Protein backbone atom coordinates (compact mmCIF):
# COMPACT_ATOMS: atom_id res chain seq x y z
CA MET A 1 177.44 12.88 -23.16
CA SER A 2 181.12 12.08 -22.70
CA GLN A 3 183.59 11.96 -25.62
CA PHE A 4 182.56 8.51 -28.05
CA PHE A 5 186.32 7.80 -27.55
CA ASN A 6 190.05 9.11 -26.74
CA LYS A 7 191.99 6.54 -28.27
CA VAL A 8 190.38 3.56 -30.20
CA ALA A 9 191.87 0.16 -31.30
CA CYS A 10 190.34 -1.58 -34.47
CA PHE A 11 190.20 -5.05 -36.12
CA THR A 12 187.95 -6.30 -39.08
CA ASP A 13 187.22 -9.18 -40.58
CA ILE A 14 188.51 -11.94 -38.53
CA HIS A 15 185.85 -14.80 -39.99
CA PHE A 16 185.48 -17.46 -37.02
CA GLY A 17 184.86 -20.65 -38.38
CA ASN A 18 186.45 -19.97 -41.94
CA LYS A 19 188.25 -23.12 -43.42
CA ASN A 20 185.32 -25.56 -42.82
CA ASN A 21 185.94 -24.85 -39.00
CA SER A 22 189.17 -25.63 -38.94
CA ARG A 23 190.48 -25.71 -34.95
CA GLN A 24 193.95 -24.39 -36.73
CA HIS A 25 192.00 -21.03 -38.32
CA ASN A 26 189.75 -20.49 -35.00
CA ASP A 27 193.03 -20.94 -32.79
CA ASP A 28 194.97 -18.18 -35.15
CA CYS A 29 191.75 -16.15 -34.63
CA GLU A 30 192.25 -16.33 -31.02
CA ARG A 31 196.10 -15.76 -30.98
CA PHE A 32 194.90 -12.75 -32.80
CA ILE A 33 192.54 -11.30 -30.14
CA TYR A 34 195.03 -12.17 -26.99
CA TRP A 35 197.60 -10.06 -29.81
CA PHE A 36 195.41 -7.28 -30.39
CA ILE A 37 194.18 -6.71 -26.99
CA GLU A 38 198.37 -6.69 -25.74
CA GLN A 39 198.49 -4.09 -28.45
CA ALA A 40 195.76 -2.17 -27.78
CA LYS A 41 196.24 -1.60 -23.62
CA ALA A 42 200.07 -0.90 -24.63
CA ALA A 43 198.93 2.24 -26.46
CA GLY A 44 196.34 3.05 -23.88
CA CYS A 45 193.17 2.54 -26.38
CA GLU A 46 190.21 2.56 -23.73
CA THR A 47 187.77 1.45 -26.74
CA CYS A 48 187.39 -1.22 -29.48
CA ILE A 49 185.42 -0.94 -32.94
CA PHE A 50 184.93 -3.97 -34.88
CA LEU A 51 184.46 -3.43 -38.11
CA GLY A 52 182.61 -6.68 -39.26
CA ASP A 53 182.32 -10.43 -39.96
CA TRP A 54 183.17 -11.70 -36.90
CA HIS A 55 182.25 -15.18 -38.17
CA HIS A 56 182.79 -16.77 -41.59
CA HIS A 57 179.07 -18.39 -42.45
CA ARG A 58 176.19 -16.77 -42.06
CA SER A 59 173.52 -19.83 -42.09
CA SER A 60 174.74 -21.42 -39.08
CA VAL A 61 177.55 -21.60 -36.03
CA ASN A 62 179.41 -24.64 -35.69
CA VAL A 63 179.58 -25.76 -32.03
CA SER A 64 183.43 -26.15 -32.09
CA THR A 65 183.75 -22.45 -33.65
CA LEU A 66 180.93 -21.31 -31.05
CA ASN A 67 183.11 -22.52 -28.14
CA TYR A 68 186.09 -20.05 -29.29
CA THR A 69 183.87 -16.68 -30.57
CA VAL A 70 182.01 -16.69 -27.09
CA PRO A 71 185.33 -16.62 -24.79
CA ASN A 72 186.77 -14.18 -27.25
CA ILE A 73 184.09 -11.69 -27.21
CA LYS A 74 184.24 -11.89 -23.12
CA ARG A 75 188.05 -11.13 -23.66
CA LEU A 76 187.24 -8.08 -25.66
CA SER A 77 184.36 -7.00 -23.04
CA GLU A 78 186.66 -7.15 -20.29
CA ALA A 79 189.89 -5.83 -22.04
CA PHE A 80 188.12 -2.43 -22.82
CA LYS A 81 185.58 0.11 -21.66
CA ASP A 82 183.30 -0.11 -24.49
CA VAL A 83 183.31 -2.77 -27.47
CA TYR A 84 181.16 -1.75 -30.72
CA MET A 85 180.78 -4.75 -33.22
CA ILE A 86 179.54 -3.78 -36.74
CA MET A 87 177.51 -6.33 -38.15
CA GLY A 88 179.10 -7.17 -41.68
CA ASN A 89 177.10 -8.92 -44.27
CA HIS A 90 178.68 -12.56 -43.14
CA ASP A 91 177.02 -11.62 -39.72
CA LEU A 92 173.74 -11.78 -40.87
CA TYR A 93 171.56 -14.83 -41.72
CA TYR A 94 170.16 -12.75 -44.52
CA ARG A 95 172.17 -11.07 -46.97
CA GLU A 96 169.63 -8.07 -47.63
CA LYS A 97 167.96 -7.16 -43.99
CA ARG A 98 169.57 -7.03 -40.69
CA GLU A 99 166.74 -9.01 -39.15
CA ILE A 100 169.06 -12.28 -37.51
CA HIS A 101 172.61 -11.90 -36.49
CA SER A 102 174.97 -14.55 -35.52
CA VAL A 103 176.32 -12.79 -32.47
CA PRO A 104 173.17 -12.04 -30.05
CA TYR A 105 175.17 -13.44 -27.03
CA ALA A 106 177.47 -10.21 -27.18
CA ASN A 107 174.36 -8.28 -25.68
CA LEU A 108 175.25 -10.21 -22.58
CA HIS A 109 178.05 -8.07 -21.64
CA ASP A 110 176.90 -4.39 -20.77
CA ASN A 111 179.48 -3.10 -22.41
CA VAL A 112 179.31 -4.59 -25.66
CA HIS A 113 177.49 -2.86 -28.02
CA ILE A 114 175.78 -4.57 -31.09
CA VAL A 115 175.57 -2.28 -34.16
CA ASN A 116 173.01 -3.82 -36.42
CA ASP A 117 169.43 -2.26 -35.61
CA GLN A 118 170.48 1.20 -37.06
CA MET A 119 173.37 3.68 -37.60
CA ILE A 120 174.45 5.45 -34.42
CA GLU A 121 175.71 8.74 -35.03
CA ARG A 122 177.27 11.08 -32.08
CA ASP A 123 179.91 13.18 -31.04
CA GLY A 124 181.69 13.45 -34.82
CA VAL A 125 181.34 9.74 -35.03
CA ALA A 126 179.04 7.52 -37.13
CA LEU A 127 179.16 3.84 -36.88
CA VAL A 128 177.22 1.89 -39.83
CA PRO A 129 176.17 -1.73 -40.15
CA TRP A 130 175.69 -3.46 -43.30
CA LEU A 131 173.68 -1.70 -45.47
CA VAL A 132 170.91 -3.08 -47.20
CA GLU A 133 168.06 -2.33 -49.95
CA ASP A 134 168.67 1.75 -50.62
CA GLU A 135 170.11 2.75 -47.15
CA TRP A 136 173.47 3.97 -49.13
CA LYS A 137 171.26 7.24 -50.24
CA LYS A 138 171.76 8.28 -46.54
CA MET A 139 175.56 8.25 -46.39
CA ASN A 140 175.70 11.77 -48.11
CA LYS A 141 174.09 12.95 -45.10
CA LEU A 142 176.48 12.00 -42.52
CA LYS A 143 178.22 14.82 -40.97
CA SER A 144 180.65 13.11 -38.82
CA GLN A 145 184.59 13.31 -38.75
CA TYR A 146 184.77 9.73 -38.51
CA VAL A 147 182.80 6.83 -39.94
CA PHE A 148 183.41 3.24 -39.42
CA GLY A 149 181.17 0.42 -41.47
CA HIS A 150 181.31 -2.37 -43.34
CA PHE A 151 181.08 -0.72 -46.98
CA GLU A 152 181.06 -2.07 -50.74
CA LEU A 153 182.72 0.12 -52.51
CA PRO A 154 183.65 0.54 -56.35
CA PHE A 155 187.00 0.91 -57.81
CA PHE A 156 188.87 -1.04 -54.46
CA LYS A 157 190.74 -4.36 -54.43
CA MET A 158 188.32 -6.93 -53.72
CA ASN A 159 191.73 -9.16 -53.69
CA ALA A 160 194.94 -8.82 -54.94
CA MET A 161 193.93 -9.50 -58.21
CA VAL A 162 190.20 -8.35 -58.65
CA THR A 163 188.62 -4.73 -58.11
CA MET A 164 184.89 -4.19 -57.27
CA PRO A 165 183.32 -2.83 -60.01
CA ASP A 166 180.41 -0.10 -59.99
CA HIS A 167 177.22 -1.52 -59.62
CA GLY A 168 175.36 1.97 -59.19
CA GLY A 169 174.90 1.88 -55.68
CA LEU A 170 177.53 3.49 -53.12
CA LYS A 171 180.48 5.18 -54.23
CA PRO A 172 183.35 6.98 -52.25
CA ASP A 173 181.91 10.68 -53.01
CA ASP A 174 179.04 10.05 -51.21
CA PHE A 175 180.73 10.38 -47.76
CA VAL A 176 180.68 14.38 -48.36
CA LYS A 177 181.54 15.40 -44.84
CA PRO A 178 183.25 12.88 -43.09
CA GLU A 179 187.34 13.42 -42.82
CA TYR A 180 188.06 9.45 -42.56
CA VAL A 181 186.26 6.67 -43.56
CA PHE A 182 187.17 3.55 -42.17
CA SER A 183 185.70 0.23 -43.48
CA GLY A 184 185.86 -3.65 -43.07
CA HIS A 185 184.81 -6.05 -45.94
CA PHE A 186 187.50 -6.08 -48.41
CA HIS A 187 190.49 -7.84 -46.76
CA LYS A 188 193.34 -6.18 -48.80
CA ARG A 189 194.48 -3.05 -46.76
CA GLN A 190 194.20 -0.02 -49.11
CA VAL A 191 193.86 4.02 -48.83
CA GLN A 192 192.25 6.00 -51.49
CA GLY A 193 191.65 9.47 -50.27
CA LYS A 194 189.41 9.60 -47.15
CA ILE A 195 188.69 5.93 -47.90
CA HIS A 196 190.63 3.33 -45.64
CA TYR A 197 189.94 -0.28 -45.79
CA ILE A 198 191.65 -1.27 -42.78
CA GLY A 199 192.68 -4.70 -43.69
CA ASN A 200 191.58 -8.21 -42.24
CA ALA A 201 192.68 -9.54 -39.02
CA PHE A 202 195.44 -11.82 -41.01
CA PRO A 203 196.20 -13.87 -44.30
CA HIS A 204 193.82 -16.11 -44.79
CA ASN A 205 194.79 -17.93 -47.95
CA TYR A 206 196.47 -17.49 -51.02
CA ALA A 207 194.77 -14.88 -52.57
CA ASP A 208 196.86 -13.02 -49.98
CA ALA A 209 200.12 -14.42 -50.93
CA TRP A 210 203.29 -12.07 -50.18
CA ASP A 211 200.86 -9.86 -48.52
CA ASP A 212 201.40 -9.44 -44.65
CA GLU A 213 200.11 -6.46 -44.26
CA ARG A 214 197.42 -7.30 -41.72
CA GLY A 215 196.67 -6.78 -38.41
CA MET A 216 195.10 -3.57 -36.59
CA MET A 217 194.52 0.02 -36.61
CA ILE A 218 194.81 2.63 -33.82
CA LEU A 219 193.38 5.79 -34.13
CA ASP A 220 193.83 8.46 -31.30
CA ARG A 221 191.06 11.14 -31.77
CA GLU A 222 192.21 13.24 -28.75
CA ASN A 223 195.71 14.17 -30.08
CA GLY A 224 194.46 14.55 -33.49
CA ALA A 225 197.17 11.82 -34.84
CA GLU A 226 196.85 10.14 -38.42
CA PRO A 227 195.33 6.45 -38.10
CA GLU A 228 198.36 4.24 -36.98
CA TYR A 229 198.31 0.52 -38.57
CA ILE A 230 199.96 -2.22 -36.90
CA ASN A 231 201.10 -5.58 -38.48
CA TRP A 232 200.67 -8.80 -36.88
CA SER A 233 204.23 -10.13 -37.30
CA ASN A 234 203.48 -13.78 -35.65
CA CYS A 235 200.47 -14.14 -38.29
CA PRO A 236 200.04 -16.89 -40.53
CA LYS A 237 201.50 -16.32 -44.02
CA TYR A 238 201.17 -17.30 -47.67
CA ARG A 239 203.90 -17.60 -50.34
CA THR A 240 204.08 -18.78 -53.88
CA ILE A 241 207.78 -19.59 -54.84
CA LYS A 242 210.05 -21.71 -56.82
CA LEU A 243 212.39 -24.24 -55.14
CA SER A 244 215.80 -23.10 -56.48
CA GLN A 245 214.59 -19.86 -54.80
CA LEU A 246 213.58 -21.55 -51.16
CA ILE A 247 216.75 -23.36 -51.45
CA ASP A 248 218.57 -20.40 -51.91
CA GLU A 249 216.81 -18.52 -49.32
CA LYS A 250 215.34 -20.79 -47.01
CA ASP A 251 217.08 -19.25 -43.85
CA THR A 252 215.42 -15.57 -44.53
CA LEU A 253 212.34 -16.45 -46.09
CA ILE A 254 210.91 -19.18 -44.34
CA LYS A 255 209.11 -18.24 -40.98
CA PRO A 256 206.81 -19.98 -38.77
CA ASN A 257 203.13 -20.55 -39.45
CA MET A 258 203.94 -20.65 -43.00
CA TYR A 259 201.85 -22.28 -46.07
CA LEU A 260 204.07 -22.57 -49.40
CA ARG A 261 203.46 -23.42 -52.98
CA VAL A 262 206.44 -24.51 -54.48
CA THR A 263 207.18 -25.15 -57.93
CA LEU A 264 209.35 -27.87 -58.54
CA ASP A 265 212.05 -25.97 -60.83
CA LEU A 266 214.87 -28.41 -60.46
CA PRO A 267 215.73 -31.91 -61.44
CA LEU A 268 214.58 -33.97 -58.35
CA SER A 269 212.73 -36.94 -58.05
CA PHE A 270 209.57 -37.00 -56.54
CA GLU A 271 210.97 -38.56 -53.23
CA GLU A 272 213.82 -36.35 -53.18
CA ALA A 273 211.39 -33.40 -53.28
CA SER A 274 209.54 -34.95 -50.71
CA PHE A 275 212.32 -35.47 -48.58
CA ILE A 276 213.08 -31.39 -48.55
CA LYS A 277 209.18 -31.00 -48.26
CA GLU A 278 209.33 -33.10 -45.03
CA THR A 279 212.60 -31.31 -43.57
CA PHE A 280 211.20 -27.76 -44.36
CA ILE A 281 208.12 -28.46 -42.31
CA ARG A 282 210.24 -29.72 -39.59
CA ASP A 283 213.22 -27.46 -39.33
CA PHE A 284 211.38 -24.63 -40.01
CA GLY A 285 207.79 -24.64 -38.48
CA CYS A 286 206.20 -24.46 -41.89
CA ARG A 287 202.44 -25.43 -41.90
CA GLU A 288 202.03 -27.09 -45.11
CA ILE A 289 204.15 -27.03 -48.36
CA THR A 290 202.28 -28.38 -51.90
CA LEU A 291 204.67 -29.12 -54.36
CA ILE A 292 204.03 -28.30 -58.08
CA PRO A 293 205.48 -30.40 -60.90
CA GLN A 294 207.55 -27.85 -63.36
CA LYS A 295 205.71 -29.65 -66.02
CA GLN A 296 202.22 -28.19 -65.02
CA ILE A 297 203.48 -24.74 -65.26
CA GLU A 298 205.10 -25.36 -68.60
CA GLU A 299 201.83 -26.99 -70.20
CA ILE A 300 200.26 -23.97 -69.37
CA THR A 301 202.95 -21.25 -70.43
CA THR A 302 204.41 -22.95 -73.48
CA GLU A 303 202.03 -21.25 -75.91
CA LEU A 304 200.05 -18.69 -73.94
CA ASP A 305 200.81 -15.17 -72.57
CA ILE A 306 198.88 -15.42 -69.31
CA SER A 307 199.69 -12.04 -68.49
CA LYS A 308 197.10 -11.11 -71.43
CA PHE A 309 194.57 -12.97 -69.82
CA GLU A 310 191.89 -12.26 -67.20
CA SER A 311 191.37 -13.81 -64.22
CA VAL A 312 188.03 -15.97 -63.62
CA ASP A 313 187.06 -13.54 -61.29
CA GLU A 314 187.39 -10.71 -63.72
CA ILE A 315 185.83 -11.97 -66.34
CA VAL A 316 182.84 -13.29 -64.16
CA SER A 317 182.30 -9.62 -62.74
CA LYS A 318 182.47 -7.83 -66.27
CA GLU A 319 180.13 -10.48 -67.66
CA ILE A 320 177.75 -9.77 -64.91
CA THR A 321 178.25 -5.80 -64.88
CA ALA A 322 177.45 -6.09 -69.02
CA ILE A 323 174.03 -7.80 -68.60
CA ASP A 324 171.25 -5.52 -70.30
CA SER A 325 168.42 -6.87 -69.04
CA GLU A 326 165.34 -5.71 -66.65
CA ASN A 327 164.64 -9.28 -65.61
CA PHE A 328 168.02 -9.52 -63.65
CA ASN A 329 169.27 -7.49 -60.55
CA LYS A 330 173.41 -7.15 -61.30
CA LYS A 331 173.91 -6.30 -57.95
CA THR A 332 172.34 -9.45 -56.78
CA LEU A 333 173.79 -11.63 -59.03
CA LEU A 334 177.40 -10.08 -58.29
CA ASP A 335 176.74 -10.63 -54.79
CA ILE A 336 176.22 -14.41 -54.97
CA TYR A 337 179.00 -14.70 -56.98
CA ASN A 338 181.22 -12.85 -54.26
CA GLU A 339 179.73 -15.11 -51.71
CA LEU A 340 180.70 -18.32 -53.83
């Protein structure tokens, strides 16, 4: 049997259909696929691995979104010798079982392989679908050098603000033998020891503000190279900023395809601020500028030190984790909250 791959290109968590099946978001997804294929072919990658969450909505696929996802799987099929699509939690109709997934049409391409019914392990490589029930207990038996999956591991950032708590399931230490574990699921790119969350395809919302390290990963197994991360420079970007800084740094700060939340810290009328907003959108190609009156910020910060307060996500996660009852499954409650 031939080697699983020589040089593989990977991406994850593209979430077709996000933002209420926004055409803009789906266009961004398609632009990413074209860019991903171009980068992969230039690097000589013959294999593609997608690490989960092709679609955003687990219970249904919008017709408009479907008209994006079908041809883009075909593009991947035509660009690579083999494409492996690991099923993430958003790809499954039922979160706790893998009976139904949202991309059955991918099987129409002979070289596109859905990793859902069971784990694939051969030639030092393991591909692991979203784990259900007590399947996580099998991970300490893996002997492969490279593991690719869609894991929910504690102590990693779920987003820029919130760390995944330990709910008693799979932990990083359960991967005993592998040298590298690559995962989708958490969108922020981050590395701890052998665990690599490779980061989602591109920023999706203001939880990703000022964090553009998203794109793809290339692994050159044939030459034993370290994982190489490539950022998509033309990705949508999110920024939160004061108007004074925006005006001073507009030429270097504003990029095309950018979303901005701007705090009005200058003595301007609403009409003047609106004129600046319209001008910046027209001249710099911004997608959206939201103006936030300084008074709203002052009302929040005058008497309160926000740095001492936890985010809502942190509070809810801690409260759920602290539940002491046999009548509730803490992991299930946390999963429900994370889905919301």
